[in-house]
N, C-alpha and C. Protein backbone atom coordinates (compact mmCIF):
# COMPACT_ATOMS: atom_id res chain seq x y z
N MET A 1 36.35 -12.24 112.04
CA MET A 1 35.16 -12.63 111.27
C MET A 1 35.38 -12.19 109.75
N LYS A 2 34.93 -13.22 108.86
CA LYS A 2 34.99 -12.77 107.49
C LYS A 2 33.82 -11.92 107.09
N ILE A 3 34.16 -10.99 106.21
CA ILE A 3 33.12 -10.15 105.62
C ILE A 3 32.34 -10.86 104.50
N LEU A 4 31.02 -10.95 104.70
CA LEU A 4 30.22 -11.51 103.62
C LEU A 4 30.28 -10.72 102.41
N GLN A 5 30.09 -11.54 101.32
CA GLN A 5 30.00 -10.62 99.97
C GLN A 5 28.79 -9.73 100.04
N GLU A 6 27.68 -10.01 100.55
CA GLU A 6 26.57 -9.16 100.52
C GLU A 6 26.87 -7.81 101.44
N ASN A 7 27.84 -7.77 102.38
CA ASN A 7 28.28 -6.66 103.12
C ASN A 7 29.37 -5.86 102.41
N VAL A 8 30.11 -6.52 101.57
CA VAL A 8 31.26 -5.89 100.94
C VAL A 8 30.88 -4.81 99.99
N ILE A 9 29.92 -4.99 99.25
CA ILE A 9 29.50 -4.06 98.19
C ILE A 9 29.03 -2.69 98.88
N PRO A 10 28.04 -2.78 99.84
CA PRO A 10 27.76 -1.47 100.40
C PRO A 10 28.94 -0.77 101.19
N ILE A 11 29.75 -1.50 101.80
CA ILE A 11 30.93 -0.91 102.41
C ILE A 11 31.79 -0.34 101.52
N LYS A 12 32.13 -0.84 100.28
CA LYS A 12 32.90 -0.23 99.32
C LYS A 12 32.27 0.85 98.72
N ASN A 13 30.94 0.96 98.52
CA ASN A 13 30.17 2.05 97.96
C ASN A 13 30.32 3.21 98.82
N ILE A 14 30.24 3.04 100.19
CA ILE A 14 30.20 4.11 101.14
C ILE A 14 31.50 4.61 101.25
N TYR A 15 32.47 3.72 101.32
CA TYR A 15 33.89 4.16 101.29
C TYR A 15 34.19 5.03 100.06
N MET A 16 33.81 4.66 98.95
CA MET A 16 34.26 5.41 97.75
C MET A 16 33.37 6.78 97.56
N SER A 17 32.19 6.73 98.02
CA SER A 17 31.33 7.91 97.86
C SER A 17 31.58 8.90 98.90
N LYS A 18 31.49 8.51 100.13
CA LYS A 18 31.48 9.43 101.23
C LYS A 18 32.80 9.41 101.90
N GLN A 19 33.82 8.73 101.44
CA GLN A 19 35.18 8.87 101.99
C GLN A 19 35.22 8.43 103.50
N TYR A 20 34.32 7.47 103.89
CA TYR A 20 34.47 7.07 105.31
C TYR A 20 35.57 6.17 105.53
N GLY A 21 36.08 6.24 106.70
CA GLY A 21 37.30 5.35 107.21
C GLY A 21 36.70 4.11 107.80
N ALA A 22 37.61 3.20 108.26
CA ALA A 22 37.15 1.97 108.91
C ALA A 22 36.31 2.17 110.23
N ARG A 23 36.62 3.02 111.03
CA ARG A 23 36.02 3.31 112.24
C ARG A 23 34.51 3.77 111.96
N ARG A 24 34.52 4.71 110.91
CA ARG A 24 33.11 5.29 110.60
C ARG A 24 32.23 4.30 109.99
N LEU A 25 32.85 3.29 109.18
CA LEU A 25 32.11 2.28 108.50
C LEU A 25 31.63 1.23 109.66
N LEU A 26 32.50 1.09 110.62
CA LEU A 26 32.07 0.08 111.55
C LEU A 26 30.85 0.58 112.51
N SER A 27 30.76 1.91 112.65
CA SER A 27 29.60 2.40 113.41
C SER A 27 28.35 2.50 112.36
N GLU A 28 28.56 2.57 111.11
CA GLU A 28 27.46 2.50 110.25
C GLU A 28 26.80 1.17 110.10
N PHE A 29 27.57 0.09 110.35
CA PHE A 29 27.05 -1.40 110.32
C PHE A 29 27.29 -1.98 111.81
N PRO A 30 26.62 -1.64 112.66
CA PRO A 30 26.84 -2.13 114.08
C PRO A 30 26.29 -3.51 114.21
N ASP A 31 25.20 -3.81 113.49
CA ASP A 31 24.55 -5.19 113.68
C ASP A 31 25.19 -6.31 112.77
N LYS A 32 26.23 -5.99 112.06
CA LYS A 32 26.82 -7.00 111.17
C LYS A 32 27.86 -7.83 111.93
N GLY A 33 28.26 -7.30 112.96
CA GLY A 33 29.36 -8.00 113.86
C GLY A 33 30.67 -8.07 113.25
N LEU A 34 31.02 -6.94 112.62
CA LEU A 34 32.32 -6.79 111.89
C LEU A 34 33.49 -6.28 112.86
N LYS A 35 34.60 -6.57 112.44
CA LYS A 35 35.74 -6.27 113.27
C LYS A 35 36.44 -5.14 112.44
N LEU A 36 37.14 -4.15 113.24
CA LEU A 36 37.85 -3.06 112.66
C LEU A 36 38.96 -3.57 111.70
N GLY A 37 39.63 -4.61 112.13
CA GLY A 37 40.72 -5.07 111.15
C GLY A 37 40.29 -5.66 109.90
N SER A 38 39.23 -6.29 110.02
CA SER A 38 38.54 -6.96 108.69
C SER A 38 38.18 -5.75 107.77
N ILE A 39 37.49 -4.71 108.32
CA ILE A 39 37.18 -3.58 107.34
C ILE A 39 38.41 -2.97 106.97
N ASP A 40 39.44 -2.75 107.77
CA ASP A 40 40.60 -2.12 107.47
C ASP A 40 41.29 -2.89 106.23
N SER A 41 41.41 -4.13 106.39
CA SER A 41 42.11 -4.92 105.19
C SER A 41 41.34 -4.80 104.03
N LEU A 42 40.05 -4.89 104.14
CA LEU A 42 39.26 -4.73 102.87
C LEU A 42 39.41 -3.23 102.15
N LEU A 43 39.49 -2.39 103.04
CA LEU A 43 39.67 -1.03 102.42
C LEU A 43 41.06 -0.72 101.95
N ASN A 44 42.18 -1.48 102.63
CA ASN A 44 43.49 -1.46 101.94
C ASN A 44 43.62 -2.24 100.73
N ARG A 45 42.87 -3.28 100.60
CA ARG A 45 43.03 -4.18 99.28
C ARG A 45 42.22 -3.31 98.34
N SER A 46 41.12 -2.68 98.55
CA SER A 46 40.43 -1.80 97.61
C SER A 46 41.20 -0.71 97.14
N HIS A 47 42.10 -0.05 98.08
CA HIS A 47 42.78 1.19 97.75
C HIS A 47 44.00 0.69 96.89
N LYS A 48 44.54 -0.39 97.24
CA LYS A 48 45.85 -0.84 96.53
C LYS A 48 45.55 -1.32 95.08
N THR A 49 44.47 -2.35 95.04
CA THR A 49 44.28 -2.94 93.77
C THR A 49 43.12 -2.30 93.05
N GLY A 50 42.26 -1.62 93.73
CA GLY A 50 41.11 -0.92 92.92
C GLY A 50 39.93 -1.93 92.90
N THR A 51 40.17 -3.17 93.45
CA THR A 51 38.88 -4.23 93.40
C THR A 51 38.88 -4.88 94.71
N ILE A 52 37.83 -5.48 94.97
CA ILE A 52 37.73 -6.11 96.34
C ILE A 52 37.62 -7.54 96.15
N VAL A 53 37.68 -8.07 95.02
CA VAL A 53 37.68 -9.48 94.64
C VAL A 53 39.01 -10.11 95.04
N ARG A 54 38.84 -11.27 95.74
CA ARG A 54 40.10 -11.97 96.10
C ARG A 54 40.66 -12.74 94.86
N GLN A 55 41.99 -12.80 94.78
CA GLN A 55 42.62 -13.50 93.84
C GLN A 55 42.63 -15.01 94.09
N PRO A 56 42.53 -15.84 93.08
CA PRO A 56 42.43 -17.26 93.28
C PRO A 56 43.88 -17.73 93.87
N PRO A 57 43.84 -18.85 94.54
CA PRO A 57 45.04 -19.25 95.24
C PRO A 57 46.07 -19.78 94.17
N ARG A 58 47.33 -19.47 94.36
CA ARG A 58 48.36 -19.92 93.41
C ARG A 58 48.68 -21.42 93.60
N LEU A 59 48.89 -22.11 92.62
CA LEU A 59 49.11 -23.55 92.61
C LEU A 59 50.68 -23.72 93.04
N SER A 60 50.92 -24.59 93.84
CA SER A 60 52.44 -24.88 94.12
C SER A 60 52.87 -25.85 93.01
N ARG A 61 54.13 -25.95 93.01
CA ARG A 61 54.74 -26.82 91.96
C ARG A 61 54.41 -28.29 92.16
N TYR A 62 54.15 -28.54 93.42
CA TYR A 62 53.86 -29.89 93.82
C TYR A 62 52.42 -30.46 93.37
N SER A 63 51.60 -29.41 93.25
CA SER A 63 50.11 -29.70 93.05
C SER A 63 50.01 -29.72 91.42
N ARG A 64 50.83 -29.36 90.64
CA ARG A 64 50.62 -29.20 89.21
C ARG A 64 50.96 -30.65 88.53
N SER A 65 51.81 -31.27 89.14
CA SER A 65 52.26 -32.57 88.56
C SER A 65 51.31 -33.64 89.24
N SER A 66 50.92 -34.65 88.43
CA SER A 66 50.16 -35.67 89.14
C SER A 66 50.96 -36.71 89.60
N GLU A 67 52.28 -36.89 89.25
CA GLU A 67 53.10 -37.96 89.75
C GLU A 67 53.94 -37.53 90.97
N GLY A 68 54.01 -36.32 91.25
CA GLY A 68 54.73 -35.78 92.36
C GLY A 68 55.84 -34.90 91.98
N PRO A 69 56.61 -34.43 92.86
CA PRO A 69 57.49 -33.39 92.66
C PRO A 69 58.90 -33.86 91.90
N CYS A 70 59.10 -35.15 91.90
CA CYS A 70 60.26 -35.81 91.26
C CYS A 70 60.02 -36.09 89.87
N ALA A 71 58.75 -36.12 89.51
CA ALA A 71 58.48 -36.59 88.11
C ALA A 71 58.77 -35.57 87.07
N GLN A 72 59.63 -35.96 86.06
CA GLN A 72 59.98 -35.05 85.03
C GLN A 72 59.71 -35.73 83.84
N SER A 73 59.12 -35.00 82.85
CA SER A 73 58.94 -35.54 81.53
C SER A 73 60.06 -35.14 80.57
N GLU A 74 61.03 -34.32 80.92
CA GLU A 74 62.02 -33.93 80.00
C GLU A 74 63.36 -34.19 80.78
N GLY A 75 64.40 -34.15 79.93
CA GLY A 75 65.71 -34.38 80.56
C GLY A 75 66.05 -35.84 80.62
N PRO A 76 67.35 -36.02 80.89
CA PRO A 76 67.85 -37.50 81.01
C PRO A 76 67.20 -38.24 82.15
N ALA A 77 66.76 -39.42 81.83
CA ALA A 77 66.22 -40.29 82.84
C ALA A 77 67.40 -40.91 83.80
N LYS A 78 67.09 -40.85 85.02
CA LYS A 78 68.23 -41.47 85.91
C LYS A 78 67.87 -42.89 86.05
N LYS A 79 68.97 -43.79 85.90
CA LYS A 79 68.72 -45.21 85.99
C LYS A 79 69.26 -45.64 87.33
N ALA A 80 68.66 -46.59 87.87
CA ALA A 80 69.22 -47.15 89.23
C ALA A 80 70.19 -48.15 88.71
N SER A 81 71.32 -48.02 89.34
CA SER A 81 72.61 -49.03 88.97
C SER A 81 72.57 -49.99 90.07
N VAL A 82 72.78 -51.29 89.73
CA VAL A 82 72.87 -52.36 90.58
C VAL A 82 74.31 -52.80 90.64
N ILE A 83 74.94 -52.96 91.58
CA ILE A 83 76.38 -53.45 91.69
C ILE A 83 76.30 -54.84 92.20
N SER A 84 76.75 -55.73 91.30
CA SER A 84 76.90 -57.04 91.79
C SER A 84 78.32 -57.41 92.16
N LEU A 85 78.35 -57.99 93.38
CA LEU A 85 79.77 -58.36 93.83
C LEU A 85 79.95 -59.91 93.70
N ASP A 86 80.66 -60.24 92.81
CA ASP A 86 80.88 -61.68 92.50
C ASP A 86 82.23 -62.02 93.13
N PHE A 87 82.37 -62.85 94.08
CA PHE A 87 83.58 -63.20 94.63
C PHE A 87 83.91 -64.71 94.26
N ALA A 88 83.71 -65.11 93.08
CA ALA A 88 83.96 -66.43 92.65
C ALA A 88 85.19 -66.75 92.22
């Protein structure tokens, strides 16, 4: 289950001020329906980055271009060659 933003702030405050772990925080909020893994990942992210805000998703190289992955505005243009076979 995802942790709602309204639950994240009190969890982080208790974690920072009282040094509670994930199991202790789970017992502090029994009515929220949180999972141990979701609290643990939130605390790990807070410990590593110092923030609990998620980063925006990265754009892939395919979604940056409106024409598709093969569209290039720079470099030599490839021309389709037509071979005509005349046996006259």
